[in-house]
Amino acid sequence: MVPMAGWALCMALVLAALSGAVGETRYEKFLRQHVDHPRTSPLSAHRYCETMLARRQVTAAGRPCKPSNTFVHAPAEELVAACTQAPDEAGFHSTPTPMGLTACRLRGGNNRPPCSYRALEVQHHVRVSCRNGLPVHLAGTYAPPQ
C-alpha cells in the first residue's frame, strides 16, 4: 500500500504543477519572466538577478539554473507596440526605441542551484516573437546604431 500512496502523492503534485502552468497564457509568462517596470527598488546589481529570477519563479529549487534572462524596464504596452512593427527577415519584431534593461548571465559553468548571475544594465532595442498581437518570446536585444 505504501508504494501506491507515494505514487498518488507524486501524481497529485504533478497535476497541481501543471494546473498552474495551464492557467498562464504565453503573454502572461512573457510578462512574468521579462518585464520589470518600474524597475524593482534598488537591489545591488549582483543580487538583482538572483532575487528577481527566484521571485518571478524563472529559477526553481531542484531545477537547473537558466543560462540567461533579460528584464525590460519599460511598460508592457511598449513591448506590445513592438508587435505592430514590421518583422525582420527572421520574423521578429523590434522596439522602435531603445529601452532600459538588465541582462542576467549565469556565472561560471555550473548550472545547478544555488544560481549566481552577472547583471549588465544597458539601453537596447528588444526583439520579440508575437502571437495574436502580443509578445510571447524575447528573442534578443541589440544596441542602438552609433
Protein backbone atom coordinates (compact mmCIF):
# COMPACT_ATOMS: atom_id res chain seq x y z
CA MET A 1 0.00 0.00 0.00
CA VAL A 2 2.83 2.41 0.72
CA PRO A 3 4.11 2.45 -2.89
CA MET A 4 0.59 3.26 -4.14
CA ALA A 5 0.27 6.16 -1.68
CA GLY A 6 3.64 7.50 -2.83
CA TRP A 7 2.56 7.26 -6.47
CA ALA A 8 -0.72 9.04 -5.72
CA LEU A 9 1.11 11.84 -3.92
CA CYS A 10 3.56 12.20 -6.82
CA MET A 11 0.69 12.39 -9.35
CA ALA A 12 -1.15 14.95 -7.22
CA LEU A 13 1.96 17.16 -7.14
CA VAL A 14 2.48 16.85 -10.91
CA LEU A 15 -1.16 17.70 -11.61
CA ALA A 16 -1.02 20.69 -9.26
CA ALA A 17 2.09 22.00 -11.02
CA LEU A 18 0.52 21.51 -14.44
CA SER A 19 -2.69 23.25 -13.46
CA GLY A 20 -0.69 26.35 -12.53
CA ALA A 21 1.15 26.31 -15.86
CA VAL A 22 -2.05 25.78 -17.84
CA GLY A 23 -3.65 28.86 -16.25
CA GLU A 24 -0.88 31.16 -17.52
CA THR A 25 -1.00 32.39 -21.13
CA ARG A 26 2.19 32.74 -23.15
CA TYR A 27 1.86 36.52 -22.87
CA GLU A 28 1.48 36.32 -19.08
CA LYS A 29 4.55 34.08 -18.90
CA PHE A 30 6.46 36.59 -21.06
CA LEU A 31 5.49 39.40 -18.67
CA ARG A 32 6.44 37.36 -15.60
CA GLN A 33 9.82 36.36 -16.99
CA HIS A 34 10.84 39.58 -18.74
CA VAL A 35 9.05 42.78 -17.66
CA ASP A 36 10.08 44.64 -14.51
CA HIS A 37 8.53 48.10 -14.77
CA PRO A 38 9.00 50.18 -12.86
CA ARG A 39 12.34 48.57 -12.01
CA THR A 40 12.27 46.81 -8.66
CA SER A 41 13.65 49.11 -5.97
CA PRO A 42 17.39 49.30 -5.72
CA LEU A 43 18.82 45.89 -5.22
CA SER A 44 22.57 45.75 -5.62
CA ALA A 45 23.40 44.79 -9.20
CA HIS A 46 24.90 41.44 -8.25
CA ARG A 47 21.78 40.47 -6.24
CA TYR A 48 19.16 41.81 -8.69
CA CYS A 49 19.25 38.78 -10.99
CA GLU A 50 19.18 36.12 -8.26
CA THR A 51 16.37 37.91 -6.44
CA MET A 52 14.21 38.60 -9.50
CA LEU A 53 14.67 35.18 -11.10
CA ALA A 54 13.64 33.48 -7.88
CA ARG A 55 10.78 35.92 -7.15
CA ARG A 56 9.38 35.51 -10.67
CA GLN A 57 9.82 31.72 -10.50
CA VAL A 58 12.12 31.66 -13.52
CA THR A 59 14.55 29.57 -11.48
CA ALA A 60 13.21 26.95 -9.10
CA ALA A 61 14.72 24.67 -6.48
CA GLY A 62 15.70 21.30 -7.90
CA ARG A 63 15.85 22.56 -11.50
CA PRO A 64 18.93 23.65 -13.47
CA CYS A 65 19.75 27.36 -13.46
CA LYS A 66 18.59 29.27 -16.53
CA PRO A 67 21.73 30.30 -18.51
CA SER A 68 20.43 33.82 -19.21
CA ASN A 69 17.39 36.02 -18.79
CA THR A 70 16.63 39.65 -19.62
CA PHE A 71 14.37 42.00 -17.67
CA VAL A 72 12.98 45.01 -19.55
CA HIS A 73 12.33 48.16 -17.50
CA ALA A 74 9.65 49.63 -19.76
CA PRO A 75 5.84 49.46 -19.71
CA ALA A 76 4.38 46.27 -21.18
CA GLU A 77 2.46 48.44 -23.65
CA GLU A 78 5.74 49.45 -25.31
CA LEU A 79 6.57 45.79 -25.92
CA VAL A 80 3.05 45.14 -27.22
CA ALA A 81 3.56 48.10 -29.60
CA ALA A 82 6.65 46.35 -31.00
CA CYS A 83 4.28 43.71 -32.40
CA THR A 84 2.87 46.38 -34.74
CA GLN A 85 6.32 46.96 -36.26
CA ALA A 86 7.22 45.16 -39.49
CA PRO A 87 9.03 41.89 -38.74
CA ASP A 88 12.66 41.38 -39.77
CA GLU A 89 13.78 38.57 -42.09
CA ALA A 90 13.71 36.11 -39.17
CA GLY A 91 10.12 37.08 -38.26
CA PHE A 92 10.98 39.05 -35.10
CA HIS A 93 9.59 42.47 -34.22
CA SER A 94 11.83 45.16 -32.69
CA THR A 95 11.04 48.07 -30.41
CA PRO A 96 11.46 51.34 -32.34
CA THR A 97 13.46 52.91 -29.49
CA PRO A 98 16.00 51.51 -27.01
CA MET A 99 14.75 50.51 -23.57
CA GLY A 100 16.43 50.13 -20.21
CA LEU A 101 17.07 46.51 -19.39
CA THR A 102 19.05 44.21 -17.16
CA ALA A 103 20.71 41.22 -18.81
CA CYS A 104 21.38 38.37 -16.39
CA ARG A 105 24.03 35.76 -17.29
CA LEU A 106 24.87 32.68 -15.25
CA ARG A 107 28.32 32.89 -13.63
CA GLY A 108 30.72 30.02 -14.21
CA GLY A 109 29.90 26.70 -15.80
CA ASN A 110 27.77 25.18 -13.05
CA ASN A 111 24.05 25.17 -13.81
CA ARG A 112 22.98 23.61 -10.50
CA PRO A 113 21.44 25.74 -7.72
CA PRO A 114 22.26 27.92 -5.96
CA CYS A 115 22.35 30.05 -9.11
CA SER A 116 24.74 33.00 -9.32
CA TYR A 117 24.35 35.63 -12.05
CA ARG A 118 26.18 38.63 -13.51
CA ALA A 119 23.99 41.67 -14.22
CA LEU A 120 24.57 44.11 -17.06
CA GLU A 121 22.38 47.22 -17.30
CA VAL A 122 22.08 48.66 -20.83
CA GLN A 123 19.83 50.63 -23.17
CA HIS A 124 18.99 48.31 -26.08
CA HIS A 125 16.29 47.63 -28.64
CA VAL A 126 14.30 44.48 -27.83
CA ARG A 127 13.38 41.77 -30.39
CA VAL A 128 10.26 39.73 -29.72
CA SER A 129 8.14 37.00 -31.25
CA CYS A 130 4.46 37.90 -31.32
CA ARG A 131 1.28 35.87 -31.35
CA ASN A 132 -2.13 37.49 -31.80
CA GLY A 133 -0.55 40.94 -31.45
CA LEU A 134 1.15 40.18 -28.11
CA PRO A 135 4.81 39.46 -27.35
CA VAL A 136 5.35 35.85 -26.26
CA HIS A 137 9.13 35.37 -26.55
CA LEU A 138 12.10 37.67 -26.03
CA ALA A 139 14.34 36.76 -28.95
CA GLY A 140 17.22 39.07 -28.08
CA THR A 141 18.37 42.65 -27.77
CA TYR A 142 20.74 44.89 -29.71
CA ALA A 143 22.48 48.18 -29.18
CA PRO A 144 21.19 51.27 -30.99
CA PRO A 145 23.25 52.32 -34.01
CA GLN A 146 26.00 54.79 -33.15
